[in-house]
C-alpha atoms as a PDB file:
ATOM      1  CA  PHE A   1      25.630  13.344  35.712  1.00  0.00           C
ATOM      2  CA  PRO A   2      29.071  11.715  35.308  1.00  0.00           C
ATOM      3  CA  VAL A   3      30.504  10.585  38.581  1.00  0.00           C
ATOM      4  CA  THR A   4      33.898   8.935  38.972  1.00  0.00           C
ATOM      5  CA  ILE A   5      34.240   6.440  41.809  1.00  0.00           C
ATOM      6  CA  SER A   6      37.511   4.547  41.776  1.00  0.00           C
ATOM      7  CA  ASP A   7      37.788   3.018  38.291  1.00  0.00           C
ATOM      8  CA  LEU A   8      34.063   3.311  37.464  1.00  0.00           C
ATOM      9  CA  VAL A   9      32.649   6.058  35.212  1.00  0.00           C
ATOM     10  CA  PHE A  10      28.905   6.636  35.050  1.00  0.00           C
ATOM     11  CA  SER A  11      28.163   8.048  31.644  1.00  0.00           C
ATOM     12  CA  GLY A  12      25.018  10.027  32.344  1.00  0.00           C
ATOM     13  CA  HIS A  13      23.275   8.567  29.294  1.00  0.00           C
ATOM     14  CA  ALA A  14      20.141  10.678  28.718  1.00  0.00           C
ATOM     15  CA  MET A  15      17.153   9.689  26.581  1.00  0.00           C
ATOM     16  CA  ILE A  16      13.643  10.881  25.740  1.00  0.00           C
ATOM     17  CA  ALA A  17      11.253   8.218  24.428  1.00  0.00           C
ATOM     18  CA  GLU A  18       7.618   8.236  23.370  1.00  0.00           C
ATOM     19  CA  ASN A  19       5.778   4.961  23.823  1.00  0.00           C
ATOM     20  CA  GLY A  20       8.901   2.912  23.133  1.00  0.00           C
ATOM     21  CA  VAL A  21      10.152   5.107  20.288  1.00  0.00           C
ATOM     22  CA  LEU A  22      13.441   6.865  21.003  1.00  0.00           C
ATOM     23  CA  LEU A  23      13.045  10.537  20.152  1.00  0.00           C
ATOM     24  CA  LYS A  24      16.343  11.900  21.363  1.00  0.00           C
ATOM     25  CA  GLU A  25      19.487  10.913  23.263  1.00  0.00           C
ATOM     26  CA  ASN A  26      22.802  12.538  24.030  1.00  0.00           C
ATOM     27  CA  LYS A  27      25.354  11.569  21.429  1.00  0.00           C
ATOM     28  CA  GLN A  28      28.401  11.218  23.655  1.00  0.00           C
ATOM     29  CA  LEU A  29      28.821   9.106  26.751  1.00  0.00           C
ATOM     30  CA  ILE A  30      30.480  11.955  28.573  1.00  0.00           C
ATOM     31  CA  ASP A  31      29.307  15.424  27.659  1.00  0.00           C
ATOM     32  CA  SER A  32      29.071  18.806  29.249  1.00  0.00           C
ATOM     33  CA  ASP A  33      25.358  19.230  28.519  1.00  0.00           C
ATOM     34  CA  TYR A  34      22.980  16.631  29.938  1.00  0.00           C
ATOM     35  CA  ILE A  35      19.738  18.482  29.424  1.00  0.00           C
ATOM     36  CA  LEU A  36      17.684  17.198  26.501  1.00  0.00           C
ATOM     37  CA  THR A  37      14.547  18.781  25.095  1.00  0.00           C
ATOM     38  CA  SER A  38      12.074  17.244  22.685  1.00  0.00           C
ATOM     39  CA  HIS A  39       8.471  17.548  21.651  1.00  0.00           C
ATOM     40  CA  VAL A  40       6.252  14.646  22.687  1.00  0.00           C
ATOM     41  CA  ASP A  41       2.892  13.925  21.047  1.00  0.00           C
ATOM     42  CA  VAL A  42       0.760  13.798  24.187  1.00  0.00           C
ATOM     43  CA  GLU A  43      -2.477  13.374  22.211  1.00  0.00           C
ATOM     44  CA  LYS A  44      -1.022  10.303  20.533  1.00  0.00           C
ATOM     45  CA  LEU A  45      -0.117   8.826  23.916  1.00  0.00           C
ATOM     46  CA  ARG A  46      -3.584   9.619  25.266  1.00  0.00           C
ATOM     47  CA  ALA A  47      -5.187   7.900  22.265  1.00  0.00           C
ATOM     48  CA  ASP A  48      -2.982   4.828  22.773  1.00  0.00           C
ATOM     49  CA  ARG A  49      -4.001   4.643  26.418  1.00  0.00           C
ATOM     50  CA  CYS A  50      -7.675   4.784  25.460  1.00  0.00           C
ATOM     51  CA  LYS A  51      -7.272   1.934  22.962  1.00  0.00           C
ATOM     52  CA  HIS A  52      -4.984  -0.390  24.914  1.00  0.00           C
ATOM     53  CA  THR A  53      -6.211  -1.584  28.309  1.00  0.00           C
ATOM     54  CA  THR A  54      -2.757  -2.762  29.385  1.00  0.00           C
ATOM     55  CA  PHE A  55      -1.953   0.807  30.439  1.00  0.00           C
ATOM     56  CA  LYS A  56      -4.604   0.640  33.185  1.00  0.00           C
ATOM     57  CA  GLN A  57      -3.370  -2.743  34.330  1.00  0.00           C
ATOM     58  CA  THR A  58       0.188  -1.439  34.525  1.00  0.00           C
ATOM     59  CA  GLN A  59      -0.932   1.653  36.410  1.00  0.00           C
ATOM     60  CA  ARG A  60      -2.667  -0.432  39.075  1.00  0.00           C
ATOM     61  CA  ALA A  61       0.369  -2.665  39.477  1.00  0.00           C
ATOM     62  CA  TYR A  62       3.196  -0.164  39.475  1.00  0.00           C
ATOM     63  CA  TYR A  63       1.923   3.371  40.053  1.00  0.00           C
ATOM     64  CA  LYS A  64       2.578   3.343  43.800  1.00  0.00           C
ATOM     65  CA  SER A  65       6.249   2.524  43.271  1.00  0.00           C
ATOM     66  CA  ILE A  66       6.906   5.413  40.866  1.00  0.00           C
ATOM     67  CA  LYS A  67       9.077   8.130  42.381  1.00  0.00           C
ATOM     68  CA  LEU A  68       8.521  11.681  41.128  1.00  0.00           C
ATOM     69  CA  ILE A  69      11.561  13.929  41.312  1.00  0.00           C
ATOM     70  CA  PRO A  70      10.847  17.641  40.843  1.00  0.00           C
ATOM     71  CA  SER A  71      13.140  19.398  38.382  1.00  0.00           C
ATOM     72  CA  LEU A  72      14.484  22.868  38.931  1.00  0.00           C
ATOM     73  CA  VAL A  73      15.833  23.142  35.379  1.00  0.00           C
ATOM     74  CA  ASP A  74      14.716  26.318  33.619  1.00  0.00           C
ATOM     75  CA  ILE A  75      13.651  25.271  30.108  1.00  0.00           C
ATOM     76  CA  LYS A  76      12.882  27.938  27.553  1.00  0.00           C
ATOM     77  CA  ASN A  77       9.286  28.100  26.451  1.00  0.00           C
ATOM     78  CA  GLU A  78      10.160  28.290  22.762  1.00  0.00           C
ATOM     79  CA  PHE A  79      12.565  26.093  20.842  1.00  0.00           C
ATOM     80  CA  PRO A  80      12.545  24.674  17.287  1.00  0.00           C
ATOM     81  CA  LEU A  81      10.319  21.704  16.478  1.00  0.00           C
ATOM     82  CA  GLU A  82      12.499  18.600  16.686  1.00  0.00           C
ATOM     83  CA  TYR A  83       9.760  15.975  16.634  1.00  0.00           C
ATOM     84  CA  PRO A  84      10.546  13.381  13.922  1.00  0.00           C
ATOM     85  CA  LEU A  85       8.124  13.886  11.040  1.00  0.00           C
ATOM     86  CA  TYR A  86       8.576  11.602   8.042  1.00  0.00           C
ATOM     87  CA  ARG A  87       7.356  12.336   4.545  1.00  0.00           C
ATOM     88  CA  LYS A  88       6.546   8.639   4.063  1.00  0.00           C
ATOM     89  CA  PRO A  89       5.631   7.259   7.494  1.00  0.00           C
ATOM     90  CA  PHE A  90       4.806   3.797   6.121  1.00  0.00           C
ATOM     91  CA  VAL A  91       8.156   3.440   4.349  1.00  0.00           C
ATOM     92  CA  PRO A  92      11.242   2.961   6.564  1.00  0.00           C
ATOM     93  CA  ILE A  93      14.144   5.224   5.634  1.00  0.00           C
ATOM     94  CA  ASN A  94      16.704   2.538   6.422  1.00  0.00           C
ATOM     95  CA  MET A  95      17.071   0.230   3.396  1.00  0.00           C
ATOM     96  CA  HIS A  96      17.572  -2.906   5.491  1.00  0.00           C
ATOM     97  CA  LEU A  97      14.461  -2.175   7.556  1.00  0.00           C
ATOM     98  CA  ARG A  98      12.571  -1.322   4.374  1.00  0.00           C
ATOM     99  CA  ASP A  99      13.401  -4.661   2.768  1.00  0.00           C
ATOM    100  CA  ASN A 100      12.420  -6.506   5.936  1.00  0.00           C
ATOM    101  CA  ARG A 101       9.152  -4.584   6.105  1.00  0.00           C
ATOM    102  CA  CYS A 102       8.350  -5.325   2.456  1.00  0.00           C
ATOM    103  CA  GLN A 103       9.168  -9.002   2.864  1.00  0.00           C
ATOM    104  CA  GLU A 104       6.961  -9.247   5.942  1.00  0.00           C
ATOM    105  CA  ILE A 105       3.989  -7.446   4.364  1.00  0.00           C
ATOM    106  CA  ILE A 106       4.051  -9.543   1.197  1.00  0.00           C
ATOM    107  CA  ALA A 107       4.325 -12.675   3.335  1.00  0.00           C
ATOM    108  CA  MET A 108       1.182 -11.604   5.236  1.00  0.00           C
ATOM    109  CA  GLN A 109      -0.678 -10.925   1.993  1.00  0.00           C
ATOM    110  CA  VAL A 110       0.305 -14.323   0.643  1.00  0.00           C
ATOM    111  CA  ALA A 111      -0.605 -16.065   3.908  1.00  0.00           C
ATOM    112  CA  GLY A 112      -4.073 -14.501   3.923  1.00  0.00           C
ATOM    113  CA  LEU A 113      -4.790 -15.468   0.326  1.00  0.00           C
ATOM    114  CA  THR A 114      -3.356 -18.958   0.858  1.00  0.00           C
ATOM    115  CA  LYS A 115      -5.746 -19.480   3.771  1.00  0.00           C
ATOM    116  CA  ARG A 116      -8.688 -18.328   1.654  1.00  0.00           C
ATOM    117  CA  LEU A 117      -7.734 -20.650  -1.201  1.00  0.00           C
ATOM    118  CA  LYS A 118      -7.516 -23.592   1.187  1.00  0.00           C
ATOM    119  CA  HIS A 119     -10.814 -22.737   2.876  1.00  0.00           C
ATOM    120  CA  THR A 120     -12.792 -22.331  -0.344  1.00  0.00           C
ATOM    121  CA  ALA A 121     -10.967 -25.047  -2.298  1.00  0.00           C
ATOM    122  CA  SER A 122     -11.322 -22.784  -5.325  1.00  0.00           C
ATOM    123  CA  PRO A 123      -9.397 -24.014  -8.360  1.00  0.00           C
ATOM    124  CA  THR A 124      -9.081 -20.503  -9.830  1.00  0.00           C
ATOM    125  CA  VAL A 125      -8.877 -16.829  -8.995  1.00  0.00           C
ATOM    126  CA  LEU A 126      -9.797 -13.968 -11.323  1.00  0.00           C
ATOM    127  CA  ILE A 127      -7.870 -10.721 -11.340  1.00  0.00           C
ATOM    128  CA  GLY A 128      -8.062  -7.654 -13.537  1.00  0.00           C
ATOM    129  CA  VAL A 129      -4.577  -6.593 -14.581  1.00  0.00           C
ATOM    130  CA  SER A 130      -4.237  -3.050 -15.912  1.00  0.00           C
ATOM    131  CA  GLY A 131      -0.480  -2.604 -15.992  1.00  0.00           C
ATOM    132  CA  GLY A 132      -0.659  -0.340 -12.943  1.00  0.00           C
ATOM    133  CA  LEU A 133       0.895  -0.697  -9.493  1.00  0.00           C
ATOM    134  CA  ASP A 134      -2.050  -2.103  -7.540  1.00  0.00           C
ATOM    135  CA  SER A 135      -3.015  -4.904  -9.900  1.00  0.00           C
ATOM    136  CA  THR A 136       0.658  -5.766 -10.376  1.00  0.00           C
ATOM    137  CA  LEU A 137       1.192  -6.294  -6.641  1.00  0.00           C
ATOM    138  CA  ALA A 138      -2.040  -8.282  -6.356  1.00  0.00           C
ATOM    139  CA  LEU A 139      -0.962 -10.519  -9.240  1.00  0.00           C
ATOM    140  CA  LEU A 140       2.446 -11.117  -7.645  1.00  0.00           C
ATOM    141  CA  VAL A 141       0.721 -12.112  -4.394  1.00  0.00           C
ATOM    142  CA  CYS A 142      -1.531 -14.540  -6.290  1.00  0.00           C
ATOM    143  CA  VAL A 143       1.484 -16.157  -7.937  1.00  0.00           C
ATOM    144  CA  GLN A 144       3.277 -16.669  -4.619  1.00  0.00           C
ATOM    145  CA  ALA A 145       0.135 -18.070  -2.979  1.00  0.00           C
ATOM    146  CA  PHE A 146      -0.360 -20.585  -5.795  1.00  0.00           C
ATOM    147  CA  ASP A 147       3.314 -21.551  -5.630  1.00  0.00           C
ATOM    148  CA  ASN A 148       3.054 -22.108  -1.868  1.00  0.00           C
ATOM    149  CA  LEU A 149       0.124 -24.461  -2.432  1.00  0.00           C
ATOM    150  CA  HIS A 150       1.886 -26.173  -5.351  1.00  0.00           C
ATOM    151  CA  LYS A 151      -1.029 -25.196  -7.575  1.00  0.00           C
ATOM    152  CA  ASP A 152      -0.694 -24.660 -11.314  1.00  0.00           C
ATOM    153  CA  ARG A 153      -0.258 -20.946 -12.031  1.00  0.00           C
ATOM    154  CA  ARG A 154      -2.652 -21.330 -14.952  1.00  0.00           C
ATOM    155  CA  GLY A 155      -5.390 -21.333 -12.306  1.00  0.00           C
ATOM    156  CA  ILE A 156      -4.759 -17.598 -12.012  1.00  0.00           C
ATOM    157  CA  ILE A 157      -6.865 -16.025 -14.745  1.00  0.00           C
ATOM    158  CA  ALA A 158      -5.455 -12.563 -15.399  1.00  0.00           C
ATOM    159  CA  VAL A 159      -7.883 -10.471 -17.424  1.00  0.00           C
ATOM    160  CA  THR A 160      -6.756  -7.282 -19.077  1.00  0.00           C
ATOM    161  CA  MET A 161      -9.650  -5.159 -20.318  1.00  0.00           C
ATOM    162  CA  PRO A 162      -8.542  -2.249 -22.491  1.00  0.00           C
ATOM    163  CA  GLY A 163     -10.950   0.656 -22.602  1.00  0.00           C
ATOM    164  CA  PHE A 164     -11.097   4.208 -23.908  1.00  0.00           C
ATOM    165  CA  GLY A 165      -8.208   5.461 -21.793  1.00  0.00           C
ATOM    166  CA  THR A 166      -5.862   2.466 -21.889  1.00  0.00           C
ATOM    167  CA  SER A 167      -2.400   3.580 -22.960  1.00  0.00           C
ATOM    168  CA  ASN A 168      -0.012   1.539 -25.084  1.00  0.00           C
ATOM    169  CA  ARG A 169       2.489   1.474 -22.217  1.00  0.00           C
ATOM    170  CA  THR A 170       0.205  -0.037 -19.572  1.00  0.00           C
ATOM    171  CA  TYR A 171      -1.431  -2.438 -22.041  1.00  0.00           C
ATOM    172  CA  ASP A 172       1.913  -3.808 -23.246  1.00  0.00           C
ATOM    173  CA  ASN A 173       3.245  -4.049 -19.682  1.00  0.00           C
ATOM    174  CA  ALA A 174       0.164  -5.960 -18.563  1.00  0.00           C
ATOM    175  CA  LEU A 175       0.438  -8.465 -21.404  1.00  0.00           C
ATOM    176  CA  THR A 176       4.180  -8.994 -20.936  1.00  0.00           C
ATOM    177  CA  LEU A 177       3.946  -9.403 -17.156  1.00  0.00           C
ATOM    178  CA  ILE A 178       1.105 -11.927 -17.418  1.00  0.00           C
ATOM    179  CA  ARG A 179       3.015 -13.997 -19.955  1.00  0.00           C
ATOM    180  CA  GLU A 180       6.268 -13.824 -18.000  1.00  0.00           C
ATOM    181  CA  LEU A 181       4.581 -15.078 -14.832  1.00  0.00           C
ATOM    182  CA  GLY A 182       3.009 -18.020 -16.640  1.00  0.00           C
ATOM    183  CA  VAL A 183      -0.587 -17.362 -15.612  1.00  0.00           C
ATOM    184  CA  THR A 184      -3.637 -17.597 -17.866  1.00  0.00           C
ATOM    185  CA  LEU A 185      -4.108 -14.519 -20.054  1.00  0.00           C
ATOM    186  CA  LYS A 186      -7.499 -13.305 -21.171  1.00  0.00           C
ATOM    187  CA  VAL A 187      -7.976 -10.095 -23.158  1.00  0.00           C
ATOM    188  CA  ILE A 188     -11.444  -8.532 -23.336  1.00  0.00           C
ATOM    189  CA  ASP A 189     -11.873  -5.188 -25.080  1.00  0.00           C
ATOM    190  CA  ILE A 190     -14.693  -3.407 -23.237  1.00  0.00           C
ATOM    191  CA  LYS A 191     -15.251  -0.575 -25.699  1.00  0.00           C
ATOM    192  CA  LYS A 192     -17.957  -2.340 -27.717  1.00  0.00           C
ATOM    193  CA  SER A 193     -20.042  -3.218 -24.646  1.00  0.00           C
ATOM    194  CA  CYS A 194     -19.590   0.318 -23.267  1.00  0.00           C
ATOM    195  CA  TYR A 195     -20.838   1.809 -26.533  1.00  0.00           C
ATOM    196  CA  GLN A 196     -23.923  -0.382 -26.259  1.00  0.00           C
ATOM    197  CA  HIS A 197     -24.468   0.773 -22.688  1.00  0.00           C
ATOM    198  CA  PHE A 198     -24.133   4.436 -23.680  1.00  0.00           C
ATOM    199  CA  GLU A 199     -26.777   3.846 -26.327  1.00  0.00           C
ATOM    200  CA  ASP A 200     -29.054   2.127 -23.817  1.00  0.00           C
ATOM    201  CA  ILE A 201     -28.877   4.981 -21.297  1.00  0.00           C
ATOM    202  CA  GLU A 202     -28.775   7.672 -23.995  1.00  0.00           C
ATOM    203  CA  HIS A 203     -25.394   9.059 -23.047  1.00  0.00           C
ATOM    204  CA  ASP A 204     -23.311  11.074 -25.499  1.00  0.00           C
ATOM    205  CA  VAL A 205     -20.044   9.161 -25.953  1.00  0.00           C
ATOM    206  CA  SER A 206     -18.173  12.412 -26.556  1.00  0.00           C
ATOM    207  CA  THR A 207     -19.061  13.628 -23.040  1.00  0.00           C
ATOM    208  CA  HIS A 208     -16.197  12.395 -20.860  1.00  0.00           C
ATOM    209  CA  ASP A 209     -17.895  12.847 -17.498  1.00  0.00           C
ATOM    210  CA  ILE A 210     -18.325  10.592 -14.467  1.00  0.00           C
ATOM    211  CA  THR A 211     -20.880   8.453 -16.321  1.00  0.00           C
ATOM    212  CA  TYR A 212     -18.361   7.877 -19.094  1.00  0.00           C
ATOM    213  CA  GLU A 213     -15.663   6.885 -16.604  1.00  0.00           C
ATOM    214  CA  ASN A 214     -17.729   4.729 -14.252  1.00  0.00           C
ATOM    215  CA  THR A 215     -19.340   2.801 -17.099  1.00  0.00           C
ATOM    216  CA  GLN A 216     -15.912   1.350 -17.884  1.00  0.00           C
ATOM    217  CA  ALA A 217     -15.097   0.495 -14.259  1.00  0.00           C
ATOM    218  CA  ARG A 218     -18.450  -1.236 -13.750  1.00  0.00           C
ATOM    219  CA  GLU A 219     -18.155  -3.144 -17.011  1.00  0.00           C
ATOM    220  CA  ARG A 220     -14.803  -4.537 -15.904  1.00  0.00           C
ATOM    221  CA  THR A 221     -16.125  -5.618 -12.515  1.00  0.00           C
ATOM    222  CA  LYS A 222     -19.156  -7.284 -14.106  1.00  0.00           C
ATOM    223  CA  LEU A 223     -16.915  -9.278 -16.421  1.00  0.00           C
ATOM    224  CA  LEU A 224     -14.646 -10.406 -13.581  1.00  0.00           C
ATOM    225  CA  MET A 225     -17.565 -11.443 -11.371  1.00  0.00           C
ATOM    226  CA  ASN A 226     -19.231 -13.438 -14.126  1.00  0.00           C
ATOM    227  CA  LEU A 227     -15.963 -15.084 -15.157  1.00  0.00           C
ATOM    228  CA  ALA A 228     -15.431 -16.053 -11.517  1.00  0.00           C
ATOM    229  CA  ASN A 229     -18.798 -17.796 -11.527  1.00  0.00           C
ATOM    230  CA  LYS A 230     -17.984 -19.509 -14.794  1.00  0.00           C
ATOM    231  CA  HIS A 231     -14.609 -20.816 -13.613  1.00  0.00           C
ATOM    232  CA  ASN A 232     -15.687 -21.638 -10.043  1.00  0.00           C
ATOM    233  CA  GLY A 233     -13.280 -19.079  -8.614  1.00  0.00           C
ATOM    234  CA  PHE A 234     -13.316 -15.723  -6.843  1.00  0.00           C
ATOM    235  CA  VAL A 235     -12.283 -12.194  -7.758  1.00  0.00           C
ATOM    236  CA  ILE A 236      -9.106 -10.747  -6.263  1.00  0.00           C
ATOM    237  CA  GLY A 237      -9.523  -7.073  -5.381  1.00  0.00           C
ATOM    238  CA  THR A 238      -6.653  -4.772  -6.278  1.00  0.00           C
ATOM    239  CA  GLY A 239      -7.703  -1.481  -4.625  1.00  0.00           C
ATOM    240  CA  ASP A 240      -5.391  -0.121  -1.919  1.00  0.00           C
ATOM    241  CA  LEU A 241      -6.046   1.559   1.433  1.00  0.00           C
ATOM    242  CA  SER A 242      -5.463   5.084   0.104  1.00  0.00           C
ATOM    243  CA  GLU A 243      -8.063   4.679  -2.640  1.00  0.00           C
ATOM    244  CA  LEU A 244     -10.595   3.189  -0.245  1.00  0.00           C
ATOM    245  CA  ALA A 245     -10.020   5.938   2.334  1.00  0.00           C
ATOM    246  CA  LEU A 246     -10.452   8.655  -0.302  1.00  0.00           C
ATOM    247  CA  GLY A 247     -13.356   6.928  -2.036  1.00  0.00           C
ATOM    248  CA  TRP A 248     -11.255   7.044  -5.215  1.00  0.00           C
ATOM    249  CA  CYS A 249     -12.969   4.027  -6.709  1.00  0.00           C
ATOM    250  CA  THR A 250     -16.232   3.280  -8.475  1.00  0.00           C
ATOM    251  CA  TYR A 251     -19.180   2.231  -6.329  1.00  0.00           C
ATOM    252  CA  ASN A 252     -20.495  -1.085  -7.621  1.00  0.00           C
ATOM    253  CA  GLY A 253     -17.321  -1.216  -9.658  1.00  0.00           C
ATOM    254  CA  ASP A 254     -13.697  -1.691  -8.644  1.00  0.00           C
ATOM    255  CA  HIS A 255     -14.547  -1.129  -4.957  1.00  0.00           C
ATOM    256  CA  MET A 256     -16.059  -4.629  -5.031  1.00  0.00           C
ATOM    257  CA  SER A 257     -14.238  -7.962  -4.927  1.00  0.00           C
ATOM    258  CA  MET A 258     -14.351 -11.294  -3.147  1.00  0.00           C
ATOM    259  CA  TYR A 259     -10.937 -10.904  -1.509  1.00  0.00           C
ATOM    260  CA  GLY A 260      -8.929  -7.654  -1.513  1.00  0.00           C
ATOM    261  CA  VAL A 261      -5.241  -8.369  -0.951  1.00  0.00           C
ATOM    262  CA  ASN A 262      -4.182  -4.691  -0.997  1.00  0.00           C
ATOM    263  CA  SER A 263      -6.971  -3.223   1.123  1.00  0.00           C
ATOM    264  CA  SER A 264      -4.769  -2.427   4.146  1.00  0.00           C
ATOM    265  CA  ILE A 265      -1.727  -1.109   2.268  1.00  0.00           C
ATOM    266  CA  PRO A 266      -1.329   2.630   1.493  1.00  0.00           C
ATOM    267  CA  LYS A 267      -0.422   3.687  -2.022  1.00  0.00           C
ATOM    268  CA  THR A 268       3.013   5.067  -1.124  1.00  0.00           C
ATOM    269  CA  LEU A 269       4.017   1.653   0.196  1.00  0.00           C
ATOM    270  CA  ILE A 270       2.692  -0.285  -2.835  1.00  0.00           C
ATOM    271  CA  LYS A 271       5.466   1.110  -5.031  1.00  0.00           C
ATOM    272  CA  TYR A 272       8.182  -0.109  -2.650  1.00  0.00           C
ATOM    273  CA  LEU A 273       6.611  -3.559  -2.359  1.00  0.00           C
ATOM    274  CA  VAL A 274       6.664  -3.955  -6.140  1.00  0.00           C
ATOM    275  CA  ARG A 275      10.243  -2.640  -6.291  1.00  0.00           C
ATOM    276  CA  TYR A 276      11.268  -5.160  -3.603  1.00  0.00           C
ATOM    277  CA  VAL A 277       9.919  -8.013  -5.751  1.00  0.00           C
ATOM    278  CA  ALA A 278      11.542  -6.537  -8.874  1.00  0.00           C
ATOM    279  CA  ASP A 279      14.917  -6.573  -7.124  1.00  0.00           C
ATOM    280  CA  THR A 280      14.563 -10.297  -6.441  1.00  0.00           C
ATOM    281  CA  MET A 281      13.892 -11.108 -10.107  1.00  0.00           C
ATOM    282  CA  GLU A 282      15.944 -10.940 -13.268  1.00  0.00           C
ATOM    283  CA  GLY A 283      15.500 -10.288 -16.965  1.00  0.00           C
ATOM    284  CA  THR A 284      12.257  -9.203 -18.549  1.00  0.00           C
ATOM    285  CA  THR A 285      10.098  -9.592 -15.451  1.00  0.00           C
ATOM    286  CA  SER A 286      12.294  -7.249 -13.418  1.00  0.00           C
ATOM    287  CA  ALA A 287      12.431  -4.718 -16.270  1.00  0.00           C
ATOM    288  CA  ILE A 288       8.634  -4.739 -16.663  1.00  0.00           C
ATOM    289  CA  LEU A 289       8.075  -4.304 -12.924  1.00  0.00           C
ATOM    290  CA  ASN A 290      10.425  -1.318 -12.842  1.00  0.00           C
ATOM    291  CA  ASP A 291       8.663   0.262 -15.806  1.00  0.00           C
ATOM    292  CA  ILE A 292       5.302  -0.202 -14.059  1.00  0.00           C
ATOM    293  CA  ILE A 293       6.765   1.556 -11.013  1.00  0.00           C
ATOM    294  CA  ASP A 294       7.795   4.501 -13.199  1.00  0.00           C
ATOM    295  CA  THR A 295       4.397   4.760 -14.918  1.00  0.00           C
ATOM    296  CA  PRO A 296       2.205   7.708 -13.790  1.00  0.00           C
ATOM    297  CA  ILE A 297      -0.668   6.626 -11.531  1.00  0.00           C
ATOM    298  CA  SER A 298      -3.918   6.792 -13.496  1.00  0.00           C
ATOM    299  CA  PRO A 299      -7.333   5.114 -13.682  1.00  0.00           C
ATOM    300  CA  GLU A 300      -7.020   5.462 -17.471  1.00  0.00           C
ATOM    301  CA  LEU A 301     -10.699   6.190 -18.048  1.00  0.00           C
ATOM    302  CA  ILE A 302     -10.189   9.238 -20.282  1.00  0.00           C
ATOM    303  CA  PRO A 303      -8.775   8.747 -23.819  1.00  0.00           C
ATOM    304  CA  ALA A 304      -4.994   8.950 -24.126  1.00  0.00           C
ATOM    305  CA  ASP A 305      -3.306  11.689 -26.116  1.00  0.00           C
ATOM    306  CA  ALA A 306      -2.504  11.497 -29.817  1.00  0.00           C
ATOM    307  CA  ASP A 307       0.681   9.531 -29.111  1.00  0.00           C
ATOM    308  CA  GLY A 308      -1.098   6.975 -26.934  1.00  0.00           C
ATOM    309  CA  ASN A 309       0.292   8.354 -23.675  1.00  0.00           C
ATOM    310  CA  ILE A 310      -1.590   8.711 -20.373  1.00  0.00           C
ATOM    311  CA  LYS A 311      -3.476  12.002 -20.172  1.00  0.00           C
ATOM    312  CA  GLN A 312      -5.462  11.447 -16.944  1.00  0.00           C
ATOM    313  CA  LYS A 313      -3.218  11.425 -13.856  1.00  0.00           C
ATOM    314  CA  THR A 314      -4.682  10.624 -10.449  1.00  0.00           C
ATOM    315  CA  GLU A 315      -2.525  12.948  -8.379  1.00  0.00           C
ATOM    316  CA  ASP A 316      -3.461  15.902 -10.580  1.00  0.00           C
ATOM    317  CA  LEU A 317      -7.058  15.274  -9.515  1.00  0.00           C
ATOM    318  CA  VAL A 318      -6.914  14.193  -5.864  1.00  0.00           C
ATOM    319  CA  GLY A 319      -3.542  15.537  -4.783  1.00  0.00           C
ATOM    320  CA  PRO A 320      -0.305  13.743  -3.937  1.00  0.00           C
ATOM    321  CA  TYR A 321      -0.624  10.341  -2.284  1.00  0.00           C
ATOM    322  CA  GLU A 322       2.302  11.171  -0.017  1.00  0.00           C
ATOM    323  CA  LEU A 323       0.164  13.877   1.571  1.00  0.00           C
ATOM    324  CA  HIS A 324      -2.965  11.705   1.811  1.00  0.00           C
ATOM    325  CA  ASP A 325      -1.089   8.773   3.331  1.00  0.00           C
END
């Protein structure tokens, strides 16, 4: 409480914090109400104490010196939920913090891949580029890693493999981005080989079921793996944490790679990482990156509509990524 002694004023600054995170504080230095209320996630604190042994060490060292002061304040049993709940917990609301977070995450991705390139001494990496968010971020990470090592970007072999559901928008974006970044472009149309596979397993090509979809995903992975062997390189995985957690990938298909640069990043954050890079670039590259950001998320395994637009949208099938993340 504020006490005035001579020329000194004690403000009575009140705070409630949860494991180092400030939940609430009084807004004014001198106020008439110094009682704060806030919800605290006790289960979260209990889980942290189970995982981190430093809590026990601290308890042994300092518990005896803690003074408990009983409170006679009558707090109402019911009051509105004021616990901070964020729609996108992995994406800072503050723009400055968001940019710093994006810069740090991309730097970690690049550092990990750079270490792997040094360790394996591989002259090339293979990456499937679809024109979607995940493969775009993975390609950008590859480019920065090669630049850090002063390696020729042509050692990045970007393979775009149009199939039955590839839209004109994603196909054109993939081609333009690959050319703008100066990496090696390889285009392999997988439809012919998929038709052969359907014939071999006696599957009706007009039946657009899970067999129809996964055949395309597995064909792409097979091509990337074999090209990696041919060029003495390794396959860069593009799948993100949200897809892996949901199982929204094809077993023995795109869930496999030799180094997955996005595997610990949730989908909602991928978009902001790509936007951060787009803001640092100019001209065509920036425009293409922004268009990729605005493209509906889709595996593109079901044929597009009559106008060549995406018909299969991931969030219509599995629900919104914001909720999953």
